[in-house]
Amino acid sequence: YKISVDAGFKKDTASFQSMDNYSEMQVKTFSRGTLEDLREDVKSRFIGKEKVTRDIKQILQEYIEIALDDNDGGLCELRKIIINSLSKTFDSAVEEEFFQRMQFLFQHLSYTIPLRSLKEKISEGTLVANLISPVLRIFFHDAYVYPTIWPNTSSTSAKVRKLAFGDPSRAKQPDMIGNIVNNGNFAYEVMFGEVTGEGKNNTEKKNLIDLIRLGIFMKDSLDNILLKTGVNRVFAWQVIVTKWTGYLMTLICPGIYVMIDTGGSVEIPRSFESCSMFLSGLDTLFAFQLAYKETVKEILLIMNRNEESENEEDNFKTWRRQTLGTPAFKRIVKFK
């Protein structure tokens, strides 16, 4: 997906794209070839091609098969096998850490998800508490360096923007925020998440509005991070029931904020019966996780040096534009 604001064109433009499914407005303004090249360029610069090794995938698939085999002990046997495999090592430190996280995840799932999916609809609150938060925290949560929170207050980045421009309205509240910690305090918001359950709120309009909200949260945060560090990317994700999709935003030229999907969707496991679908999307989550961690490390390195961004990064400061700064853009993203 992509959201763009162009202060240099005759009118501001905002549009969304998924893979090669471009809107008429996008094609008319930029051309299909340009959009395809742009998405691939942004993705190749910020999202790597790393994949989970075959050995790890094979072990996790065995975990699923053991859990579903009632004749061989099922979940009890799975828990024993996970404990016995805690000492397993890999050649790569990255692989070893990832496998340890997966062991912890499957141990947790053995207590929190059923063997087979329930027929009852799952509310947003239940989704977050039982499925989404436990799974995504494995990938995106470090309590000391970059904790994820499920806030009951509005985004700090949105508050800063509204105060700067004298906007008295209440800042919006994302479902999840990924923060960077510095000296015991939250320094920057680098990732946002929105969740939709299976209830009556699961409509196309609501999900599109959530996507626009994510874009606005990301843009506010990116402006702040660019100003202070020169790092030019932030992240987000959207979960509709159990379908996870990751996004990245970067500023490519004056006033053009590009938000892309990072490639494919992942099925969050709601039962061991559906865990194989989760494994098929594991490469997507893994690449997203590594890109997110690398961004956090880059920001922390700059903060610890106490240096202002220089040279090329200074261009980004002048490229920034006010959020929802023109009537044309406000009409496009009007929620009602």
C-alpha atoms as a PDB file:
ATOM      1  CA  TYR A   1       0.000   0.000   0.000  1.00  0.00           C
ATOM      2  CA  LYS A   2       1.105   3.575  -0.532  1.00  0.00           C
ATOM      3  CA  ILE A   3       0.014   6.933   0.751  1.00  0.00           C
ATOM      4  CA  SER A   4       1.555  10.029  -0.769  1.00  0.00           C
ATOM      5  CA  VAL A   5       1.293  13.768  -0.266  1.00  0.00           C
ATOM      6  CA  ASP A   6       2.777  15.897  -3.027  1.00  0.00           C
ATOM      7  CA  ALA A   7       3.030  19.603  -2.311  1.00  0.00           C
ATOM      8  CA  GLY A   8       4.752  20.176  -5.642  1.00  0.00           C
ATOM      9  CA  PHE A   9       1.884  18.997  -7.847  1.00  0.00           C
ATOM     10  CA  LYS A  10      -1.183  21.110  -8.585  1.00  0.00           C
ATOM     11  CA  LYS A  11      -3.110  19.139  -6.008  1.00  0.00           C
ATOM     12  CA  ASP A  12      -2.186  16.868  -3.153  1.00  0.00           C
ATOM     13  CA  THR A  13      -2.688  13.187  -3.809  1.00  0.00           C
ATOM     14  CA  ALA A  14      -3.400  10.327  -1.455  1.00  0.00           C
ATOM     15  CA  SER A  15      -3.895   6.766  -2.623  1.00  0.00           C
ATOM     16  CA  PHE A  16      -3.388   3.165  -1.653  1.00  0.00           C
ATOM     17  CA  GLN A  17      -1.808   0.310  -3.545  1.00  0.00           C
ATOM     18  CA  SER A  18      -1.362  -3.382  -2.887  1.00  0.00           C
ATOM     19  CA  MET A  19       1.218  -5.150  -5.018  1.00  0.00           C
ATOM     20  CA  ASP A  20       0.113  -4.420  -8.619  1.00  0.00           C
ATOM     21  CA  ASN A  21      -3.435  -3.330  -7.717  1.00  0.00           C
ATOM     22  CA  TYR A  22      -3.179   0.421  -8.308  1.00  0.00           C
ATOM     23  CA  SER A  23      -5.970   2.960  -8.137  1.00  0.00           C
ATOM     24  CA  GLU A  24      -7.042   4.980 -11.149  1.00  0.00           C
ATOM     25  CA  MET A  25      -5.750   8.139  -9.449  1.00  0.00           C
ATOM     26  CA  GLN A  26      -2.303   6.614  -8.951  1.00  0.00           C
ATOM     27  CA  VAL A  27      -1.953   5.376 -12.515  1.00  0.00           C
ATOM     28  CA  LYS A  28      -3.128   8.709 -13.921  1.00  0.00           C
ATOM     29  CA  THR A  29      -0.736  10.718 -11.742  1.00  0.00           C
ATOM     30  CA  PHE A  30       2.387   8.542 -11.759  1.00  0.00           C
ATOM     31  CA  SER A  31       1.929   5.741 -14.401  1.00  0.00           C
ATOM     32  CA  ARG A  32       1.779   2.026 -13.591  1.00  0.00           C
ATOM     33  CA  GLY A  33       5.439   1.424 -14.420  1.00  0.00           C
ATOM     34  CA  THR A  34       6.596   4.181 -12.087  1.00  0.00           C
ATOM     35  CA  LEU A  35       4.482   2.802  -9.230  1.00  0.00           C
ATOM     36  CA  GLU A  36       5.815  -0.718  -9.688  1.00  0.00           C
ATOM     37  CA  ASP A  37       9.416   0.493  -9.853  1.00  0.00           C
ATOM     38  CA  LEU A  38       8.907   2.718  -6.807  1.00  0.00           C
ATOM     39  CA  ARG A  39       7.508  -0.060  -4.639  1.00  0.00           C
ATOM     40  CA  GLU A  40      10.284  -2.472  -5.580  1.00  0.00           C
ATOM     41  CA  ASP A  41      12.950   0.182  -5.010  1.00  0.00           C
ATOM     42  CA  VAL A  42      11.689   1.085  -1.533  1.00  0.00           C
ATOM     43  CA  LYS A  43      11.287  -2.551  -0.546  1.00  0.00           C
ATOM     44  CA  SER A  44      14.757  -3.540  -1.797  1.00  0.00           C
ATOM     45  CA  ARG A  45      16.401  -0.677   0.113  1.00  0.00           C
ATOM     46  CA  PHE A  46      14.810  -1.369   3.480  1.00  0.00           C
ATOM     47  CA  ILE A  47      13.466  -4.948   3.583  1.00  0.00           C
ATOM     48  CA  GLY A  48      16.041  -7.715   3.194  1.00  0.00           C
ATOM     49  CA  LYS A  49      15.614 -11.109   1.565  1.00  0.00           C
ATOM     50  CA  GLU A  50      16.553 -13.144   4.628  1.00  0.00           C
ATOM     51  CA  LYS A  51      14.596 -16.362   5.145  1.00  0.00           C
ATOM     52  CA  VAL A  52      14.093 -18.764   8.007  1.00  0.00           C
ATOM     53  CA  THR A  53      16.303 -21.803   7.507  1.00  0.00           C
ATOM     54  CA  ARG A  54      14.854 -25.108   6.366  1.00  0.00           C
ATOM     55  CA  ASP A  55      16.055 -26.795   9.576  1.00  0.00           C
ATOM     56  CA  ILE A  56      14.065 -24.420  11.788  1.00  0.00           C
ATOM     57  CA  LYS A  57      10.944 -24.718   9.644  1.00  0.00           C
ATOM     58  CA  GLN A  58      11.199 -28.503   9.740  1.00  0.00           C
ATOM     59  CA  ILE A  59      11.455 -28.544  13.541  1.00  0.00           C
ATOM     60  CA  LEU A  60       8.466 -26.210  13.885  1.00  0.00           C
ATOM     61  CA  GLN A  61       6.430 -28.358  11.487  1.00  0.00           C
ATOM     62  CA  GLU A  62       7.250 -31.365  13.672  1.00  0.00           C
ATOM     63  CA  TYR A  63       5.996 -29.401  16.693  1.00  0.00           C
ATOM     64  CA  ILE A  64       2.651 -28.921  14.945  1.00  0.00           C
ATOM     65  CA  GLU A  65       2.341 -32.584  13.960  1.00  0.00           C
ATOM     66  CA  ILE A  66       3.170 -33.722  17.503  1.00  0.00           C
ATOM     67  CA  ALA A  67       0.558 -31.385  18.997  1.00  0.00           C
ATOM     68  CA  LEU A  68      -2.141 -32.719  16.658  1.00  0.00           C
ATOM     69  CA  ASP A  69      -1.271 -36.381  17.327  1.00  0.00           C
ATOM     70  CA  ASP A  70      -3.500 -37.322  20.259  1.00  0.00           C
ATOM     71  CA  ASN A  71      -2.253 -40.914  20.108  1.00  0.00           C
ATOM     72  CA  ASP A  72       1.306 -39.806  20.863  1.00  0.00           C
ATOM     73  CA  GLY A  73       0.653 -37.508  23.799  1.00  0.00           C
ATOM     74  CA  GLY A  74      -0.345 -34.403  21.874  1.00  0.00           C
ATOM     75  CA  LEU A  75       0.299 -31.137  23.678  1.00  0.00           C
ATOM     76  CA  CYS A  76       1.947 -32.780  26.701  1.00  0.00           C
ATOM     77  CA  GLU A  77       4.482 -34.480  24.448  1.00  0.00           C
ATOM     78  CA  LEU A  78       5.089 -31.225  22.582  1.00  0.00           C
ATOM     79  CA  ARG A  79       5.940 -29.389  25.811  1.00  0.00           C
ATOM     80  CA  LYS A  80       8.462 -32.092  26.764  1.00  0.00           C
ATOM     81  CA  ILE A  81      10.112 -31.998  23.339  1.00  0.00           C
ATOM     82  CA  ILE A  82      10.422 -28.208  23.407  1.00  0.00           C
ATOM     83  CA  ILE A  83      12.100 -28.338  26.824  1.00  0.00           C
ATOM     84  CA  ASN A  84      14.473 -31.092  25.656  1.00  0.00           C
ATOM     85  CA  SER A  85      15.440 -29.056  22.583  1.00  0.00           C
ATOM     86  CA  LEU A  86      16.300 -25.860  24.466  1.00  0.00           C
ATOM     87  CA  SER A  87      20.007 -26.664  24.251  1.00  0.00           C
ATOM     88  CA  LYS A  88      19.999 -27.000  20.451  1.00  0.00           C
ATOM     89  CA  THR A  89      22.505 -24.683  18.770  1.00  0.00           C
ATOM     90  CA  PHE A  90      22.932 -23.215  15.286  1.00  0.00           C
ATOM     91  CA  ASP A  91      25.928 -21.863  13.379  1.00  0.00           C
ATOM     92  CA  SER A  92      24.383 -18.394  13.121  1.00  0.00           C
ATOM     93  CA  ALA A  93      23.630 -16.291  16.212  1.00  0.00           C
ATOM     94  CA  VAL A  94      20.633 -14.798  14.389  1.00  0.00           C
ATOM     95  CA  GLU A  95      19.235 -18.276  13.680  1.00  0.00           C
ATOM     96  CA  GLU A  96      19.837 -19.386  17.253  1.00  0.00           C
ATOM     97  CA  GLU A  97      18.050 -16.372  18.746  1.00  0.00           C
ATOM     98  CA  PHE A  98      15.136 -16.762  16.326  1.00  0.00           C
ATOM     99  CA  PHE A  99      14.779 -20.466  17.140  1.00  0.00           C
ATOM    100  CA  GLN A 100      14.766 -19.700  20.869  1.00  0.00           C
ATOM    101  CA  ARG A 101      11.968 -17.207  20.307  1.00  0.00           C
ATOM    102  CA  MET A 102      10.026 -19.791  18.286  1.00  0.00           C
ATOM    103  CA  GLN A 103      10.455 -22.365  21.054  1.00  0.00           C
ATOM    104  CA  PHE A 104       9.076 -19.901  23.575  1.00  0.00           C
ATOM    105  CA  LEU A 105       6.186 -19.080  21.226  1.00  0.00           C
ATOM    106  CA  PHE A 106       5.157 -22.695  20.651  1.00  0.00           C
ATOM    107  CA  GLN A 107       5.453 -23.451  24.361  1.00  0.00           C
ATOM    108  CA  HIS A 108       3.105 -20.524  24.985  1.00  0.00           C
ATOM    109  CA  LEU A 109       0.714 -21.578  22.202  1.00  0.00           C
ATOM    110  CA  SER A 110       0.466 -25.069  23.686  1.00  0.00           C
ATOM    111  CA  TYR A 111      -1.373 -23.467  26.618  1.00  0.00           C
ATOM    112  CA  THR A 112      -3.331 -20.714  24.862  1.00  0.00           C
ATOM    113  CA  ILE A 113      -4.747 -21.945  21.526  1.00  0.00           C
ATOM    114  CA  PRO A 114      -6.959 -24.979  20.841  1.00  0.00           C
ATOM    115  CA  LEU A 115      -5.944 -27.877  18.635  1.00  0.00           C
ATOM    116  CA  ARG A 116      -8.719 -27.024  16.185  1.00  0.00           C
ATOM    117  CA  SER A 117     -10.302 -23.659  15.475  1.00  0.00           C
ATOM    118  CA  LEU A 118     -13.472 -22.734  17.333  1.00  0.00           C
ATOM    119  CA  LYS A 119     -16.561 -21.810  15.341  1.00  0.00           C
ATOM    120  CA  GLU A 120     -17.352 -18.839  17.561  1.00  0.00           C
ATOM    121  CA  LYS A 121     -16.425 -15.359  16.324  1.00  0.00           C
ATOM    122  CA  ILE A 122     -13.460 -13.741  18.063  1.00  0.00           C
ATOM    123  CA  SER A 123     -13.791 -10.182  19.373  1.00  0.00           C
ATOM    124  CA  GLU A 124     -11.015  -7.631  18.981  1.00  0.00           C
ATOM    125  CA  GLY A 125     -10.179  -7.751  22.696  1.00  0.00           C
ATOM    126  CA  THR A 126      -9.890 -11.544  22.717  1.00  0.00           C
ATOM    127  CA  LEU A 127      -7.816 -11.479  19.539  1.00  0.00           C
ATOM    128  CA  VAL A 128      -5.323  -9.058  21.053  1.00  0.00           C
ATOM    129  CA  ALA A 129      -5.057 -10.775  24.445  1.00  0.00           C
ATOM    130  CA  ASN A 130      -4.970 -14.416  23.336  1.00  0.00           C
ATOM    131  CA  LEU A 131      -3.456 -14.408  19.852  1.00  0.00           C
ATOM    132  CA  ILE A 132      -2.023 -11.230  18.363  1.00  0.00           C
ATOM    133  CA  SER A 133      -0.078  -9.756  21.282  1.00  0.00           C
ATOM    134  CA  PRO A 134       1.596 -13.039  22.365  1.00  0.00           C
ATOM    135  CA  VAL A 135       2.649 -13.887  18.806  1.00  0.00           C
ATOM    136  CA  LEU A 136       3.827 -10.447  17.679  1.00  0.00           C
ATOM    137  CA  ARG A 137       5.681  -9.735  20.924  1.00  0.00           C
ATOM    138  CA  ILE A 138       7.974 -12.640  20.032  1.00  0.00           C
ATOM    139  CA  PHE A 139       9.030 -10.730  16.912  1.00  0.00           C
ATOM    140  CA  PHE A 140       8.830  -7.059  17.886  1.00  0.00           C
ATOM    141  CA  HIS A 141       9.190  -6.739  21.659  1.00  0.00           C
ATOM    142  CA  ASP A 142      12.326  -6.157  23.709  1.00  0.00           C
ATOM    143  CA  ALA A 143      11.328  -4.886  27.143  1.00  0.00           C
ATOM    144  CA  TYR A 144      14.608  -3.018  27.640  1.00  0.00           C
ATOM    145  CA  VAL A 145      15.306  -1.585  24.166  1.00  0.00           C
ATOM    146  CA  TYR A 146      12.160  -1.494  22.012  1.00  0.00           C
ATOM    147  CA  PRO A 147       9.032  -2.489  23.951  1.00  0.00           C
ATOM    148  CA  THR A 148       5.620  -2.774  22.346  1.00  0.00           C
ATOM    149  CA  ILE A 149       2.672  -1.318  24.237  1.00  0.00           C
ATOM    150  CA  TRP A 150      -1.100  -1.496  23.801  1.00  0.00           C
ATOM    151  CA  PRO A 151      -1.885   2.072  24.879  1.00  0.00           C
ATOM    152  CA  ASN A 152      -5.004   3.670  26.273  1.00  0.00           C
ATOM    153  CA  THR A 153      -3.621   7.085  25.348  1.00  0.00           C
ATOM    154  CA  SER A 154      -3.006   8.810  22.042  1.00  0.00           C
ATOM    155  CA  SER A 155       0.174   8.665  19.987  1.00  0.00           C
ATOM    156  CA  THR A 156       2.912  10.990  21.262  1.00  0.00           C
ATOM    157  CA  SER A 157       3.913  11.851  17.684  1.00  0.00           C
ATOM    158  CA  ALA A 158       0.357  12.941  16.912  1.00  0.00           C
ATOM    159  CA  LYS A 159       0.257  15.036  20.104  1.00  0.00           C
ATOM    160  CA  VAL A 160       3.508  16.800  19.168  1.00  0.00           C
ATOM    161  CA  ARG A 161       2.192  17.661  15.722  1.00  0.00           C
ATOM    162  CA  LYS A 162      -1.128  18.974  17.046  1.00  0.00           C
ATOM    163  CA  LEU A 163       0.571  21.129  19.692  1.00  0.00           C
ATOM    164  CA  ALA A 164       2.991  22.547  17.130  1.00  0.00           C
ATOM    165  CA  PHE A 165       0.151  23.719  14.908  1.00  0.00           C
ATOM    166  CA  GLY A 166      -2.247  24.768  17.666  1.00  0.00           C
ATOM    167  CA  ASP A 167      -4.745  21.991  16.922  1.00  0.00           C
ATOM    168  CA  PRO A 168      -6.962  21.568  20.023  1.00  0.00           C
ATOM    169  CA  SER A 169      -8.602  18.315  18.895  1.00  0.00           C
ATOM    170  CA  ARG A 170      -7.772  15.013  20.579  1.00  0.00           C
ATOM    171  CA  ALA A 171      -4.938  13.036  18.975  1.00  0.00           C
ATOM    172  CA  LYS A 172      -5.907   9.596  17.692  1.00  0.00           C
ATOM    173  CA  GLN A 173      -4.981   6.365  19.440  1.00  0.00           C
ATOM    174  CA  PRO A 174      -3.401   3.360  17.662  1.00  0.00           C
ATOM    175  CA  ASP A 175      -3.980  -0.156  18.981  1.00  0.00           C
ATOM    176  CA  MET A 176      -0.244  -0.827  19.335  1.00  0.00           C
ATOM    177  CA  ILE A 177       2.904   1.308  19.484  1.00  0.00           C
ATOM    178  CA  GLY A 178       6.500   0.127  19.195  1.00  0.00           C
ATOM    179  CA  ASN A 179       8.766   2.484  21.150  1.00  0.00           C
ATOM    180  CA  ILE A 180      12.498   3.018  21.483  1.00  0.00           C
ATOM    181  CA  VAL A 181      13.750   3.401  25.060  1.00  0.00           C
ATOM    182  CA  ASN A 182      16.531   5.811  25.995  1.00  0.00           C
ATOM    183  CA  ASN A 183      17.591   6.411  29.621  1.00  0.00           C
ATOM    184  CA  GLY A 184      14.444   4.719  30.861  1.00  0.00           C
ATOM    185  CA  ASN A 185      12.057   6.859  28.793  1.00  0.00           C
ATOM    186  CA  PHE A 186      10.229   6.334  25.514  1.00  0.00           C
ATOM    187  CA  ALA A 187      12.197   8.339  22.944  1.00  0.00           C
ATOM    188  CA  TYR A 188      10.603   7.574  19.569  1.00  0.00           C
ATOM    189  CA  GLU A 189       7.609   5.721  18.167  1.00  0.00           C
ATOM    190  CA  VAL A 190       8.875   3.507  15.346  1.00  0.00           C
ATOM    191  CA  MET A 191       5.986   1.097  14.750  1.00  0.00           C
ATOM    192  CA  PHE A 192       2.173   1.192  14.942  1.00  0.00           C
ATOM    193  CA  GLY A 193      -0.489  -1.498  14.759  1.00  0.00           C
ATOM    194  CA  GLU A 194      -4.243  -1.675  14.149  1.00  0.00           C
ATOM    195  CA  VAL A 195      -6.490  -4.689  14.839  1.00  0.00           C
ATOM    196  CA  THR A 196      -9.991  -5.609  13.648  1.00  0.00           C
ATOM    197  CA  GLY A 197     -11.913  -8.513  15.183  1.00  0.00           C
ATOM    198  CA  GLU A 198     -14.616 -10.724  13.700  1.00  0.00           C
ATOM    199  CA  GLY A 199     -17.520  -8.628  14.947  1.00  0.00           C
ATOM    200  CA  LYS A 200     -19.766  -6.181  13.114  1.00  0.00           C
ATOM    201  CA  ASN A 201     -16.910  -3.640  12.915  1.00  0.00           C
ATOM    202  CA  ASN A 202     -15.079  -5.848  10.425  1.00  0.00           C
ATOM    203  CA  THR A 203     -16.112  -3.891   7.337  1.00  0.00           C
ATOM    204  CA  GLU A 204     -14.129  -2.794   4.302  1.00  0.00           C
ATOM    205  CA  LYS A 205     -14.668   0.874   5.192  1.00  0.00           C
ATOM    206  CA  LYS A 206     -13.426   0.425   8.754  1.00  0.00           C
ATOM    207  CA  ASN A 207     -10.350  -1.482   7.616  1.00  0.00           C
ATOM    208  CA  LEU A 208      -9.477   1.164   5.019  1.00  0.00           C
ATOM    209  CA  ILE A 209      -9.902   3.906   7.620  1.00  0.00           C
ATOM    210  CA  ASP A 210      -7.529   1.997   9.919  1.00  0.00           C
ATOM    211  CA  LEU A 211      -5.013   1.880   7.084  1.00  0.00           C
ATOM    212  CA  ILE A 212      -5.285   5.644   6.603  1.00  0.00           C
ATOM    213  CA  ARG A 213      -4.900   6.117  10.361  1.00  0.00           C
ATOM    214  CA  LEU A 214      -1.733   4.023  10.265  1.00  0.00           C
ATOM    215  CA  GLY A 215      -0.390   6.205   7.472  1.00  0.00           C
ATOM    216  CA  ILE A 216      -1.019   9.359   9.510  1.00  0.00           C
ATOM    217  CA  PHE A 217       0.596   7.879  12.648  1.00  0.00           C
ATOM    218  CA  MET A 218       3.602   6.828  10.569  1.00  0.00           C
ATOM    219  CA  LYS A 219       3.925  10.216   8.886  1.00  0.00           C
ATOM    220  CA  ASP A 220       3.840  12.109  12.207  1.00  0.00           C
ATOM    221  CA  SER A 221       6.445   9.773  13.677  1.00  0.00           C
ATOM    222  CA  LEU A 222       8.650   9.867  10.573  1.00  0.00           C
ATOM    223  CA  ASP A 223       8.706  13.680  10.631  1.00  0.00           C
ATOM    224  CA  ASN A 224       9.907  13.610  14.238  1.00  0.00           C
ATOM    225  CA  ILE A 225      12.543  10.911  13.672  1.00  0.00           C
ATOM    226  CA  LEU A 226      13.850  12.627  10.535  1.00  0.00           C
ATOM    227  CA  LEU A 227      14.198  15.923  12.370  1.00  0.00           C
ATOM    228  CA  LYS A 228      16.119  14.424  15.299  1.00  0.00           C
ATOM    229  CA  THR A 229      18.119  11.566  13.712  1.00  0.00           C
ATOM    230  CA  GLY A 230      17.871  11.648   9.915  1.00  0.00           C
ATOM    231  CA  VAL A 231      16.669   8.011   9.850  1.00  0.00           C
ATOM    232  CA  ASN A 232      14.146   7.785   7.029  1.00  0.00           C
ATOM    233  CA  ARG A 233      11.742   4.920   7.726  1.00  0.00           C
ATOM    234  CA  VAL A 234       9.050   3.772  10.153  1.00  0.00           C
ATOM    235  CA  PHE A 235       6.931   0.626  10.324  1.00  0.00           C
ATOM    236  CA  ALA A 236       3.340  -0.477  10.860  1.00  0.00           C
ATOM    237  CA  TRP A 237       1.107  -3.507  10.584  1.00  0.00           C
ATOM    238  CA  GLN A 238      -2.589  -4.254  10.312  1.00  0.00           C
ATOM    239  CA  VAL A 239      -4.329  -7.410  11.507  1.00  0.00           C
ATOM    240  CA  ILE A 240      -7.802  -8.147  10.161  1.00  0.00           C
ATOM    241  CA  VAL A 241      -9.068 -11.026  12.310  1.00  0.00           C
ATOM    242  CA  THR A 242      -5.899 -13.179  12.035  1.00  0.00           C
ATOM    243  CA  LYS A 243      -4.422 -11.877   8.751  1.00  0.00           C
ATOM    244  CA  TRP A 244      -1.279  -9.802   9.393  1.00  0.00           C
ATOM    245  CA  THR A 245       0.174  -7.388   6.817  1.00  0.00           C
ATOM    246  CA  GLY A 246       3.289  -5.270   7.366  1.00  0.00           C
ATOM    247  CA  TYR A 247       3.961  -1.749   6.056  1.00  0.00           C
ATOM    248  CA  LEU A 248       6.901   0.636   5.764  1.00  0.00           C
ATOM    249  CA  MET A 249       6.901   4.397   5.165  1.00  0.00           C
ATOM    250  CA  THR A 250       9.734   6.564   3.855  1.00  0.00           C
ATOM    251  CA  LEU A 251      10.078  10.106   2.486  1.00  0.00           C
ATOM    252  CA  ILE A 252      11.456   9.949  -1.067  1.00  0.00           C
ATOM    253  CA  CYS A 253      11.426  13.634  -2.110  1.00  0.00           C
ATOM    254  CA  PRO A 254       9.852  16.925  -0.962  1.00  0.00           C
ATOM    255  CA  GLY A 255       6.329  16.167   0.247  1.00  0.00           C
ATOM    256  CA  ILE A 256       6.126  12.559  -1.046  1.00  0.00           C
ATOM    257  CA  TYR A 257       5.631  10.049   1.775  1.00  0.00           C
ATOM    258  CA  VAL A 258       5.519   6.505   0.383  1.00  0.00           C
ATOM    259  CA  MET A 259       3.862   3.714   2.368  1.00  0.00           C
ATOM    260  CA  ILE A 260       4.286   0.215   0.932  1.00  0.00           C
ATOM    261  CA  ASP A 261       3.213  -3.232   2.014  1.00  0.00           C
ATOM    262  CA  THR A 262       6.360  -5.226   2.723  1.00  0.00           C
ATOM    263  CA  GLY A 263       5.295  -8.317   0.805  1.00  0.00           C
ATOM    264  CA  GLY A 264       2.553 -10.840   1.461  1.00  0.00           C
ATOM    265  CA  SER A 265       0.330 -11.510   4.460  1.00  0.00           C
ATOM    266  CA  VAL A 266       0.797 -13.874   7.393  1.00  0.00           C
ATOM    267  CA  GLU A 267      -1.898 -15.926   9.121  1.00  0.00           C
ATOM    268  CA  ILE A 268      -1.654 -15.560  12.911  1.00  0.00           C
ATOM    269  CA  PRO A 269      -2.349 -19.051  14.377  1.00  0.00           C
ATOM    270  CA  ARG A 270      -5.730 -19.384  16.067  1.00  0.00           C
ATOM    271  CA  SER A 271      -5.296 -23.147  16.493  1.00  0.00           C
ATOM    272  CA  PHE A 272      -2.609 -25.774  15.918  1.00  0.00           C
ATOM    273  CA  GLU A 273      -4.656 -26.882  12.948  1.00  0.00           C
ATOM    274  CA  SER A 274      -3.896 -23.514  11.275  1.00  0.00           C
ATOM    275  CA  CYS A 275      -0.250 -23.265  12.382  1.00  0.00           C
ATOM    276  CA  SER A 276       1.022 -24.584   9.044  1.00  0.00           C
ATOM    277  CA  MET A 277      -0.362 -21.447   7.368  1.00  0.00           C
ATOM    278  CA  PHE A 278       1.553 -19.402   9.939  1.00  0.00           C
ATOM    279  CA  LEU A 279       4.759 -21.240   9.024  1.00  0.00           C
ATOM    280  CA  SER A 280       4.240 -20.525   5.326  1.00  0.00           C
ATOM    281  CA  GLY A 281       4.394 -16.786   6.095  1.00  0.00           C
ATOM    282  CA  LEU A 282       7.269 -16.978   8.555  1.00  0.00           C
ATOM    283  CA  ASP A 283       9.814 -15.619   6.050  1.00  0.00           C
ATOM    284  CA  THR A 284       7.739 -12.437   5.687  1.00  0.00           C
ATOM    285  CA  LEU A 285       7.635 -11.847   9.446  1.00  0.00           C
ATOM    286  CA  PHE A 286      11.325 -12.697   9.797  1.00  0.00           C
ATOM    287  CA  ALA A 287      12.442 -10.183   7.149  1.00  0.00           C
ATOM    288  CA  PHE A 288      10.155  -7.511   8.659  1.00  0.00           C
ATOM    289  CA  GLN A 289      11.552  -8.212  12.131  1.00  0.00           C
ATOM    290  CA  LEU A 290      15.167  -7.867  10.985  1.00  0.00           C
ATOM    291  CA  ALA A 291      14.430  -4.594   9.162  1.00  0.00           C
ATOM    292  CA  TYR A 292      12.687  -3.218  12.256  1.00  0.00           C
ATOM    293  CA  LYS A 293      15.535  -4.231  14.593  1.00  0.00           C
ATOM    294  CA  GLU A 294      18.122  -2.725  12.240  1.00  0.00           C
ATOM    295  CA  THR A 295      16.207   0.574  12.211  1.00  0.00           C
ATOM    296  CA  VAL A 296      16.037   0.620  16.011  1.00  0.00           C
ATOM    297  CA  LYS A 297      19.793  -0.027  16.214  1.00  0.00           C
ATOM    298  CA  GLU A 298      20.517   2.789  13.759  1.00  0.00           C
ATOM    299  CA  ILE A 299      18.407   5.291  15.708  1.00  0.00           C
ATOM    300  CA  LEU A 300      19.972   4.256  19.029  1.00  0.00           C
ATOM    301  CA  LEU A 301      23.475   4.582  17.590  1.00  0.00           C
ATOM    302  CA  ILE A 302      22.770   8.162  16.515  1.00  0.00           C
ATOM    303  CA  MET A 303      21.155   8.988  19.862  1.00  0.00           C
ATOM    304  CA  ASN A 304      24.084   7.559  21.833  1.00  0.00           C
ATOM    305  CA  ARG A 305      26.544   9.641  19.820  1.00  0.00           C
ATOM    306  CA  ASN A 306      24.460  12.725  20.588  1.00  0.00           C
ATOM    307  CA  GLU A 307      24.958  13.887  17.020  1.00  0.00           C
ATOM    308  CA  GLU A 308      22.666  15.909  14.827  1.00  0.00           C
ATOM    309  CA  SER A 309      22.050  14.500  11.347  1.00  0.00           C
ATOM    310  CA  GLU A 310      24.277  16.039   8.702  1.00  0.00           C
ATOM    311  CA  ASN A 311      24.837  16.296   4.975  1.00  0.00           C
ATOM    312  CA  GLU A 312      22.394  14.198   2.945  1.00  0.00           C
ATOM    313  CA  GLU A 313      20.048  13.614   5.867  1.00  0.00           C
ATOM    314  CA  ASP A 314      19.548  17.369   6.250  1.00  0.00           C
ATOM    315  CA  ASN A 315      17.579  17.309   2.991  1.00  0.00           C
ATOM    316  CA  PHE A 316      14.919  15.224   4.693  1.00  0.00           C
ATOM    317  CA  LYS A 317      14.243  17.996   7.196  1.00  0.00           C
ATOM    318  CA  THR A 318      13.290  20.408   4.417  1.00  0.00           C
ATOM    319  CA  TRP A 319      11.331  17.739   2.532  1.00  0.00           C
ATOM    320  CA  ARG A 320       8.825  17.299   5.364  1.00  0.00           C
ATOM    321  CA  ARG A 321       5.298  18.694   5.025  1.00  0.00           C
ATOM    322  CA  GLN A 322       2.520  19.417   7.502  1.00  0.00           C
ATOM    323  CA  THR A 323       0.219  16.459   8.155  1.00  0.00           C
ATOM    324  CA  LEU A 324      -3.198  16.915   6.525  1.00  0.00           C
ATOM    325  CA  GLY A 325      -1.913  20.346   5.594  1.00  0.00           C
ATOM    326  CA  THR A 326      -4.180  21.116   2.613  1.00  0.00           C
ATOM    327  CA  PRO A 327      -7.956  21.057   2.057  1.00  0.00           C
ATOM    328  CA  ALA A 328      -7.482  18.687  -0.902  1.00  0.00           C
ATOM    329  CA  PHE A 329      -5.763  16.059   1.207  1.00  0.00           C
ATOM    330  CA  LYS A 330      -8.267  16.436   4.042  1.00  0.00           C
ATOM    331  CA  ARG A 331     -11.117  15.736   1.606  1.00  0.00           C
ATOM    332  CA  ILE A 332      -9.417  12.594   0.341  1.00  0.00           C
ATOM    333  CA  VAL A 333      -8.918  11.105   3.813  1.00  0.00           C
ATOM    334  CA  LYS A 334     -12.194  12.302   5.321  1.00  0.00           C
ATOM    335  CA  PHE A 335     -13.395   9.433   7.492  1.00  0.00           C
ATOM    336  CA  LYS A 336     -17.127  10.059   7.529  1.00  0.00           C
END
